[in-house]
Amino acid sequence: MAPSQGLMFGRMAPYYDLLYGPKDYRSEVRRLVALARRVGRSGGKDWLDVACGTGRHLEFLRQDHRVAGVDRSASMLRIARRRLPGVRLRLGDMRTFRLHRRFDVITCLFSAIGHLRTEKDLERTFANFAGHLKPGGVVMVEPWIDPAKWLEDHLAMVSYRSPTRIVVRVADSFRRANHSYVRYHYLVAERRRGVRHYHETDVGLLVARADLLGAIRKAGLTARFLGDGLSSGRGLVLGAKPLSAP
């Protein structure tokens, strides 16, 4: 089964940056760049962001790197292209994209990896990342919620308000075996357009950190988990390609 693309990444894409406006992308990029310098050994500045969304991380990364992005959502990429003229942005699935070039750093952030449905999907994804890395390159993945920390029936809300527009997203969650289910409801109120309601259920794969590291090692990379990751508090999974790798 293909990973979920979701309402948020389709019809709701124009509202994505409104809901996530408070996210500190600049600080996250500083953290990622520092880690890449510390862990990476390839010596270059070619950076690929997989599941790049509207391009907010790439917006800051491009100041000092040669950047590219991949995403499954054409709607998100349309926004990213307006933000990042001249940057190579490709429509593609994280399991199967082929760019025919290799990078010093690959990132996959904001728990996008959690949209995969099976452990086989996870292995295919990390193998694809490894194939796009230069020897000595590093991949940094912000994982989905650790199964041991999953909160059943958790309630959450984010909102945006301006004089002409209100956007609200509320969610509750539950779990079935190793899959998470988050039910999202969106209310969008705009002048001259009234109030609209959308809803969807997002299904994700819950994978223990040890199993994530195992999938990275299976792709031929060294692996470790950092608990002090980015703003989500979910840590970062790092995989480094040996300098001797082909």
C-alpha atoms as a PDB file:
ATOM      1  CA  MET A   1       0.000   0.000   0.000  1.00  0.00           C
ATOM      2  CA  ALA A   2       1.302   3.453  -0.884  1.00  0.00           C
ATOM      3  CA  PRO A   3       2.093   5.997   1.833  1.00  0.00           C
ATOM      4  CA  SER A   4      -0.677   8.424   2.621  1.00  0.00           C
ATOM      5  CA  GLN A   5      -0.602  11.780   0.840  1.00  0.00           C
ATOM      6  CA  GLY A   6      -3.461  13.173   2.878  1.00  0.00           C
ATOM      7  CA  LEU A   7      -5.856  16.084   2.787  1.00  0.00           C
ATOM      8  CA  MET A   8      -3.302  18.351   4.483  1.00  0.00           C
ATOM      9  CA  PHE A   9      -0.925  17.853   1.551  1.00  0.00           C
ATOM     10  CA  GLY A  10      -3.596  18.221  -1.111  1.00  0.00           C
ATOM     11  CA  ARG A  11      -6.657  20.442  -0.745  1.00  0.00           C
ATOM     12  CA  MET A  12      -5.387  21.964   2.489  1.00  0.00           C
ATOM     13  CA  ALA A  13      -1.846  22.641   1.208  1.00  0.00           C
ATOM     14  CA  PRO A  14      -2.466  26.427   0.826  1.00  0.00           C
ATOM     15  CA  TYR A  15      -3.126  26.579   4.590  1.00  0.00           C
ATOM     16  CA  TYR A  16      -0.169  24.449   5.687  1.00  0.00           C
ATOM     17  CA  ASP A  17       2.236  27.314   6.352  1.00  0.00           C
ATOM     18  CA  LEU A  18      -0.458  29.208   8.244  1.00  0.00           C
ATOM     19  CA  LEU A  19      -0.947  26.337  10.703  1.00  0.00           C
ATOM     20  CA  TYR A  20       2.789  25.775  11.132  1.00  0.00           C
ATOM     21  CA  GLY A  21       3.817  29.430  11.140  1.00  0.00           C
ATOM     22  CA  PRO A  22       5.284  29.276  14.695  1.00  0.00           C
ATOM     23  CA  LYS A  23       7.655  26.419  13.795  1.00  0.00           C
ATOM     24  CA  ASP A  24      11.241  27.701  14.006  1.00  0.00           C
ATOM     25  CA  TYR A  25      12.669  26.437  10.723  1.00  0.00           C
ATOM     26  CA  ARG A  26      15.771  28.651  10.952  1.00  0.00           C
ATOM     27  CA  SER A  27      16.849  27.159  14.292  1.00  0.00           C
ATOM     28  CA  GLU A  28      16.156  23.635  13.064  1.00  0.00           C
ATOM     29  CA  VAL A  29      18.367  24.245  10.026  1.00  0.00           C
ATOM     30  CA  ARG A  30      21.187  25.530  12.234  1.00  0.00           C
ATOM     31  CA  ARG A  31      20.954  22.328  14.278  1.00  0.00           C
ATOM     32  CA  LEU A  32      20.911  20.112  11.178  1.00  0.00           C
ATOM     33  CA  VAL A  33      23.860  21.885   9.568  1.00  0.00           C
ATOM     34  CA  ALA A  34      25.918  21.538  12.752  1.00  0.00           C
ATOM     35  CA  LEU A  35      25.131  17.814  12.927  1.00  0.00           C
ATOM     36  CA  ALA A  36      25.963  17.304   9.258  1.00  0.00           C
ATOM     37  CA  ARG A  37      29.357  18.942   9.751  1.00  0.00           C
ATOM     38  CA  ARG A  38      30.047  16.799  12.787  1.00  0.00           C
ATOM     39  CA  VAL A  39      28.917  13.443  11.386  1.00  0.00           C
ATOM     40  CA  GLY A  40      29.426  13.763   7.631  1.00  0.00           C
ATOM     41  CA  ARG A  41      32.753  12.961   5.972  1.00  0.00           C
ATOM     42  CA  SER A  42      32.032  13.562   2.287  1.00  0.00           C
ATOM     43  CA  GLY A  43      33.219  17.170   2.369  1.00  0.00           C
ATOM     44  CA  GLY A  44      30.617  18.712   0.054  1.00  0.00           C
ATOM     45  CA  LYS A  45      27.492  20.867   0.260  1.00  0.00           C
ATOM     46  CA  ASP A  46      24.936  18.977  -1.827  1.00  0.00           C
ATOM     47  CA  TRP A  47      21.782  18.629   0.295  1.00  0.00           C
ATOM     48  CA  LEU A  48      18.548  16.774  -0.526  1.00  0.00           C
ATOM     49  CA  ASP A  49      15.384  17.254   1.532  1.00  0.00           C
ATOM     50  CA  VAL A  50      12.942  14.368   1.060  1.00  0.00           C
ATOM     51  CA  ALA A  51       9.290  15.169   1.813  1.00  0.00           C
ATOM     52  CA  CYS A  52      10.340  18.804   1.493  1.00  0.00           C
ATOM     53  CA  GLY A  53       6.755  20.100   1.612  1.00  0.00           C
ATOM     54  CA  THR A  54       6.479  23.828   0.984  1.00  0.00           C
ATOM     55  CA  GLY A  55      10.260  24.255   1.156  1.00  0.00           C
ATOM     56  CA  ARG A  56      10.640  26.043   4.477  1.00  0.00           C
ATOM     57  CA  HIS A  57      13.789  24.140   5.532  1.00  0.00           C
ATOM     58  CA  LEU A  58      15.262  24.471   2.034  1.00  0.00           C
ATOM     59  CA  GLU A  59      14.632  28.222   2.188  1.00  0.00           C
ATOM     60  CA  PHE A  60      17.357  28.503   4.837  1.00  0.00           C
ATOM     61  CA  LEU A  61      19.545  25.620   3.684  1.00  0.00           C
ATOM     62  CA  ARG A  62      19.995  27.125   0.225  1.00  0.00           C
ATOM     63  CA  GLN A  63      21.919  30.062   1.704  1.00  0.00           C
ATOM     64  CA  ASP A  64      25.018  27.860   2.122  1.00  0.00           C
ATOM     65  CA  HIS A  65      24.252  24.644   0.228  1.00  0.00           C
ATOM     66  CA  ARG A  66      23.352  23.352  -3.214  1.00  0.00           C
ATOM     67  CA  VAL A  67      19.868  22.073  -2.432  1.00  0.00           C
ATOM     68  CA  ALA A  68      17.185  19.911  -4.017  1.00  0.00           C
ATOM     69  CA  GLY A  69      13.842  18.593  -2.818  1.00  0.00           C
ATOM     70  CA  VAL A  70      11.474  15.672  -3.370  1.00  0.00           C
ATOM     71  CA  ASP A  71       7.834  15.418  -2.323  1.00  0.00           C
ATOM     72  CA  ARG A  72       4.803  13.275  -3.198  1.00  0.00           C
ATOM     73  CA  SER A  73       2.427  16.230  -3.205  1.00  0.00           C
ATOM     74  CA  ALA A  74       2.135  18.320  -6.354  1.00  0.00           C
ATOM     75  CA  SER A  75       0.161  20.885  -4.329  1.00  0.00           C
ATOM     76  CA  MET A  76       2.978  21.346  -1.808  1.00  0.00           C
ATOM     77  CA  LEU A  77       5.585  21.526  -4.550  1.00  0.00           C
ATOM     78  CA  ARG A  78       3.693  24.320  -6.312  1.00  0.00           C
ATOM     79  CA  ILE A  79       4.081  26.392  -3.157  1.00  0.00           C
ATOM     80  CA  ALA A  80       7.731  25.381  -2.752  1.00  0.00           C
ATOM     81  CA  ARG A  81       8.540  26.385  -6.345  1.00  0.00           C
ATOM     82  CA  ARG A  82       7.183  29.868  -5.747  1.00  0.00           C
ATOM     83  CA  ARG A  83       9.315  30.124  -2.621  1.00  0.00           C
ATOM     84  CA  LEU A  84      12.470  28.634  -4.179  1.00  0.00           C
ATOM     85  CA  PRO A  85      12.900  29.770  -7.781  1.00  0.00           C
ATOM     86  CA  GLY A  86      15.759  27.933  -9.475  1.00  0.00           C
ATOM     87  CA  VAL A  87      15.861  25.064  -6.949  1.00  0.00           C
ATOM     88  CA  ARG A  88      15.433  21.571  -8.363  1.00  0.00           C
ATOM     89  CA  LEU A  89      12.209  20.181  -6.877  1.00  0.00           C
ATOM     90  CA  ARG A  90      10.924  16.805  -8.011  1.00  0.00           C
ATOM     91  CA  LEU A  91       7.628  14.971  -7.571  1.00  0.00           C
ATOM     92  CA  GLY A  92       8.452  11.550  -6.160  1.00  0.00           C
ATOM     93  CA  ASP A  93       7.867   8.803  -3.601  1.00  0.00           C
ATOM     94  CA  MET A  94      10.536   8.477  -0.905  1.00  0.00           C
ATOM     95  CA  ARG A  95      10.752   4.740  -1.579  1.00  0.00           C
ATOM     96  CA  THR A  96      11.362   4.959  -5.305  1.00  0.00           C
ATOM     97  CA  PHE A  97      12.515   8.423  -6.486  1.00  0.00           C
ATOM     98  CA  ARG A  98      15.586   8.474  -8.731  1.00  0.00           C
ATOM     99  CA  LEU A  99      17.567  11.703  -9.145  1.00  0.00           C
ATOM    100  CA  HIS A 100      20.669  10.187 -10.812  1.00  0.00           C
ATOM    101  CA  ARG A 101      22.989  12.140  -8.540  1.00  0.00           C
ATOM    102  CA  ARG A 102      24.298  11.761  -5.020  1.00  0.00           C
ATOM    103  CA  PHE A 103      24.311  14.078  -2.031  1.00  0.00           C
ATOM    104  CA  ASP A 104      26.418  14.867   1.010  1.00  0.00           C
ATOM    105  CA  VAL A 105      23.327  15.162   3.224  1.00  0.00           C
ATOM    106  CA  ILE A 106      19.795  13.800   2.946  1.00  0.00           C
ATOM    107  CA  THR A 107      17.105  14.900   5.386  1.00  0.00           C
ATOM    108  CA  CYS A 108      13.581  13.593   5.899  1.00  0.00           C
ATOM    109  CA  LEU A 109      11.917  15.740   8.558  1.00  0.00           C
ATOM    110  CA  PHE A 110       8.719  16.470  10.489  1.00  0.00           C
ATOM    111  CA  SER A 111       8.031  12.719  10.901  1.00  0.00           C
ATOM    112  CA  ALA A 112       7.276  12.258   7.188  1.00  0.00           C
ATOM    113  CA  ILE A 113       8.789   8.771   7.504  1.00  0.00           C
ATOM    114  CA  GLY A 114       5.760   7.879   9.652  1.00  0.00           C
ATOM    115  CA  HIS A 115       3.498   8.012   6.577  1.00  0.00           C
ATOM    116  CA  LEU A 116       4.957   4.708   5.416  1.00  0.00           C
ATOM    117  CA  ARG A 117       2.711   1.719   6.077  1.00  0.00           C
ATOM    118  CA  THR A 118       5.002  -1.331   6.351  1.00  0.00           C
ATOM    119  CA  GLU A 119       8.474  -2.233   7.552  1.00  0.00           C
ATOM    120  CA  LYS A 120       9.261  -3.293   3.982  1.00  0.00           C
ATOM    121  CA  ASP A 121       8.451   0.283   2.881  1.00  0.00           C
ATOM    122  CA  LEU A 122      10.849   1.516   5.563  1.00  0.00           C
ATOM    123  CA  GLU A 123      13.663  -0.730   4.328  1.00  0.00           C
ATOM    124  CA  ARG A 124      13.081   0.330   0.705  1.00  0.00           C
ATOM    125  CA  THR A 125      13.183   3.974   1.753  1.00  0.00           C
ATOM    126  CA  PHE A 126      16.470   3.732   3.630  1.00  0.00           C
ATOM    127  CA  ALA A 127      18.008   1.710   0.792  1.00  0.00           C
ATOM    128  CA  ASN A 128      16.941   4.469  -1.605  1.00  0.00           C
ATOM    129  CA  PHE A 129      18.413   7.140   0.658  1.00  0.00           C
ATOM    130  CA  ALA A 130      21.697   5.183   0.892  1.00  0.00           C
ATOM    131  CA  GLY A 131      21.829   4.932  -2.893  1.00  0.00           C
ATOM    132  CA  HIS A 132      21.594   8.710  -3.186  1.00  0.00           C
ATOM    133  CA  LEU A 133      24.369   9.371  -0.631  1.00  0.00           C
ATOM    134  CA  LYS A 134      28.008  10.037  -1.466  1.00  0.00           C
ATOM    135  CA  PRO A 135      30.597   7.972   0.431  1.00  0.00           C
ATOM    136  CA  GLY A 136      30.944   9.686   3.798  1.00  0.00           C
ATOM    137  CA  GLY A 137      27.505  11.283   3.434  1.00  0.00           C
ATOM    138  CA  VAL A 138      24.858  11.355   6.152  1.00  0.00           C
ATOM    139  CA  VAL A 139      21.093  10.917   6.295  1.00  0.00           C
ATOM    140  CA  MET A 140      19.088  12.544   9.101  1.00  0.00           C
ATOM    141  CA  VAL A 141      15.508  11.401   9.726  1.00  0.00           C
ATOM    142  CA  GLU A 142      13.034  12.857  12.206  1.00  0.00           C
ATOM    143  CA  PRO A 143      11.012   9.783  13.232  1.00  0.00           C
ATOM    144  CA  TRP A 144       7.332   9.369  14.016  1.00  0.00           C
ATOM    145  CA  ILE A 145       6.278   8.805  17.620  1.00  0.00           C
ATOM    146  CA  ASP A 146       7.981   5.942  19.454  1.00  0.00           C
ATOM    147  CA  PRO A 147       5.407   3.168  20.094  1.00  0.00           C
ATOM    148  CA  ALA A 148       6.314   3.224  23.788  1.00  0.00           C
ATOM    149  CA  LYS A 149       5.351   6.918  23.958  1.00  0.00           C
ATOM    150  CA  TRP A 150       2.116   6.725  21.974  1.00  0.00           C
ATOM    151  CA  LEU A 151      -0.775   8.432  23.774  1.00  0.00           C
ATOM    152  CA  GLU A 152      -4.114   6.770  23.186  1.00  0.00           C
ATOM    153  CA  ASP A 153      -7.073   9.089  22.616  1.00  0.00           C
ATOM    154  CA  HIS A 154      -4.813  12.132  22.605  1.00  0.00           C
ATOM    155  CA  LEU A 155      -6.462  15.437  21.703  1.00  0.00           C
ATOM    156  CA  ALA A 156      -4.674  18.256  19.863  1.00  0.00           C
ATOM    157  CA  MET A 157      -5.498  21.566  18.215  1.00  0.00           C
ATOM    158  CA  VAL A 158      -3.664  24.135  16.102  1.00  0.00           C
ATOM    159  CA  SER A 159      -5.172  27.300  14.679  1.00  0.00           C
ATOM    160  CA  TYR A 160      -4.528  30.425  12.667  1.00  0.00           C
ATOM    161  CA  ARG A 161      -6.480  33.677  12.703  1.00  0.00           C
ATOM    162  CA  SER A 162      -6.331  36.868  10.641  1.00  0.00           C
ATOM    163  CA  PRO A 163      -8.974  39.546   9.927  1.00  0.00           C
ATOM    164  CA  THR A 164     -10.071  37.668   6.798  1.00  0.00           C
ATOM    165  CA  ARG A 165      -9.393  34.005   7.563  1.00  0.00           C
ATOM    166  CA  ILE A 166      -9.585  31.443  10.377  1.00  0.00           C
ATOM    167  CA  VAL A 167      -8.162  27.937  10.063  1.00  0.00           C
ATOM    168  CA  VAL A 168      -8.539  25.353  12.836  1.00  0.00           C
ATOM    169  CA  ARG A 169      -7.367  21.751  12.961  1.00  0.00           C
ATOM    170  CA  VAL A 170      -8.432  19.413  15.767  1.00  0.00           C
ATOM    171  CA  ALA A 171      -7.370  15.799  16.117  1.00  0.00           C
ATOM    172  CA  ASP A 172      -7.779  12.692  18.212  1.00  0.00           C
ATOM    173  CA  SER A 173      -5.812   9.466  17.974  1.00  0.00           C
ATOM    174  CA  PHE A 174      -5.898   5.740  18.534  1.00  0.00           C
ATOM    175  CA  ARG A 175      -3.759   2.709  17.769  1.00  0.00           C
ATOM    176  CA  ARG A 176      -4.238  -0.695  16.131  1.00  0.00           C
ATOM    177  CA  ALA A 177      -1.249  -3.027  16.503  1.00  0.00           C
ATOM    178  CA  ASN A 178       1.780  -1.219  14.989  1.00  0.00           C
ATOM    179  CA  HIS A 179      -0.234   1.469  13.207  1.00  0.00           C
ATOM    180  CA  SER A 180      -1.280   4.876  14.483  1.00  0.00           C
ATOM    181  CA  TYR A 181      -4.564   6.473  13.471  1.00  0.00           C
ATOM    182  CA  VAL A 182      -5.068  10.215  13.767  1.00  0.00           C
ATOM    183  CA  ARG A 183      -8.489  11.660  12.903  1.00  0.00           C
ATOM    184  CA  TYR A 184      -8.209  15.245  11.692  1.00  0.00           C
ATOM    185  CA  HIS A 185     -11.014  17.774  11.336  1.00  0.00           C
ATOM    186  CA  TYR A 186     -10.411  21.108   9.616  1.00  0.00           C
ATOM    187  CA  LEU A 187     -12.547  24.227   9.721  1.00  0.00           C
ATOM    188  CA  VAL A 188     -11.709  26.965   7.244  1.00  0.00           C
ATOM    189  CA  ALA A 189     -13.592  30.266   7.502  1.00  0.00           C
ATOM    190  CA  GLU A 190     -12.913  32.957   4.911  1.00  0.00           C
ATOM    191  CA  ARG A 191     -14.638  36.173   3.967  1.00  0.00           C
ATOM    192  CA  ARG A 192     -16.953  35.772   0.998  1.00  0.00           C
ATOM    193  CA  ARG A 193     -16.391  31.987   1.036  1.00  0.00           C
ATOM    194  CA  GLY A 194     -18.078  31.075   4.307  1.00  0.00           C
ATOM    195  CA  VAL A 195     -17.089  28.131   6.516  1.00  0.00           C
ATOM    196  CA  ARG A 196     -15.925  24.791   5.138  1.00  0.00           C
ATOM    197  CA  HIS A 197     -15.338  21.522   6.974  1.00  0.00           C
ATOM    198  CA  TYR A 198     -12.945  18.759   5.893  1.00  0.00           C
ATOM    199  CA  HIS A 199     -11.909  15.577   7.656  1.00  0.00           C
ATOM    200  CA  GLU A 200      -9.602  12.617   7.165  1.00  0.00           C
ATOM    201  CA  THR A 201      -7.926   9.785   9.073  1.00  0.00           C
ATOM    202  CA  ASP A 202      -4.163   9.520   8.715  1.00  0.00           C
ATOM    203  CA  VAL A 203      -2.580   6.080   9.170  1.00  0.00           C
ATOM    204  CA  GLY A 204       1.073   5.814  10.203  1.00  0.00           C
ATOM    205  CA  LEU A 205       3.616   3.130  11.036  1.00  0.00           C
ATOM    206  CA  LEU A 206       4.784   2.910  14.657  1.00  0.00           C
ATOM    207  CA  VAL A 207       8.380   1.669  14.745  1.00  0.00           C
ATOM    208  CA  ALA A 208      10.616   1.318  17.805  1.00  0.00           C
ATOM    209  CA  ARG A 209      13.847   3.283  17.632  1.00  0.00           C
ATOM    210  CA  ALA A 210      15.894   0.063  17.674  1.00  0.00           C
ATOM    211  CA  ASP A 211      14.016  -1.193  14.613  1.00  0.00           C
ATOM    212  CA  LEU A 212      14.583   2.111  12.809  1.00  0.00           C
ATOM    213  CA  LEU A 213      18.295   1.802  13.460  1.00  0.00           C
ATOM    214  CA  GLY A 214      18.185  -1.787  12.217  1.00  0.00           C
ATOM    215  CA  ALA A 215      16.566  -0.687   8.947  1.00  0.00           C
ATOM    216  CA  ILE A 216      19.280   1.940   8.446  1.00  0.00           C
ATOM    217  CA  ARG A 217      22.050  -0.597   9.092  1.00  0.00           C
ATOM    218  CA  LYS A 218      20.430  -3.002   6.641  1.00  0.00           C
ATOM    219  CA  ALA A 219      20.892  -0.268   4.006  1.00  0.00           C
ATOM    220  CA  GLY A 220      24.651  -0.341   4.672  1.00  0.00           C
ATOM    221  CA  LEU A 221      24.865   2.745   6.876  1.00  0.00           C
ATOM    222  CA  THR A 222      26.133   3.148  10.413  1.00  0.00           C
ATOM    223  CA  ALA A 223      23.275   4.285  12.640  1.00  0.00           C
ATOM    224  CA  ARG A 224      22.540   6.077  15.878  1.00  0.00           C
ATOM    225  CA  PHE A 225      19.660   7.823  17.594  1.00  0.00           C
ATOM    226  CA  LEU A 226      19.880  11.306  19.101  1.00  0.00           C
ATOM    227  CA  GLY A 227      17.245  12.085  21.712  1.00  0.00           C
ATOM    228  CA  ASP A 228      17.835  15.837  21.509  1.00  0.00           C
ATOM    229  CA  GLY A 229      16.542  16.342  17.985  1.00  0.00           C
ATOM    230  CA  LEU A 230      14.348  19.126  16.614  1.00  0.00           C
ATOM    231  CA  SER A 231      11.295  20.974  17.890  1.00  0.00           C
ATOM    232  CA  SER A 232       8.943  17.967  17.778  1.00  0.00           C
ATOM    233  CA  GLY A 233      10.854  16.298  20.616  1.00  0.00           C
ATOM    234  CA  ARG A 234      10.975  12.970  18.728  1.00  0.00           C
ATOM    235  CA  GLY A 235      14.737  12.941  18.304  1.00  0.00           C
ATOM    236  CA  LEU A 236      16.716  12.267  15.143  1.00  0.00           C
ATOM    237  CA  VAL A 237      17.907   9.046  13.539  1.00  0.00           C
ATOM    238  CA  LEU A 238      21.295   9.418  11.818  1.00  0.00           C
ATOM    239  CA  GLY A 239      22.816   7.123   9.224  1.00  0.00           C
ATOM    240  CA  ALA A 240      26.324   7.611   7.828  1.00  0.00           C
ATOM    241  CA  LYS A 241      27.704   6.014   4.680  1.00  0.00           C
ATOM    242  CA  PRO A 242      31.244   4.617   5.043  1.00  0.00           C
ATOM    243  CA  LEU A 243      33.926   6.427   3.059  1.00  0.00           C
ATOM    244  CA  SER A 244      34.874   3.096   1.531  1.00  0.00           C
ATOM    245  CA  ALA A 245      31.358   2.460   0.160  1.00  0.00           C
ATOM    246  CA  PRO A 246      30.967   2.427  -3.633  1.00  0.00           C
END
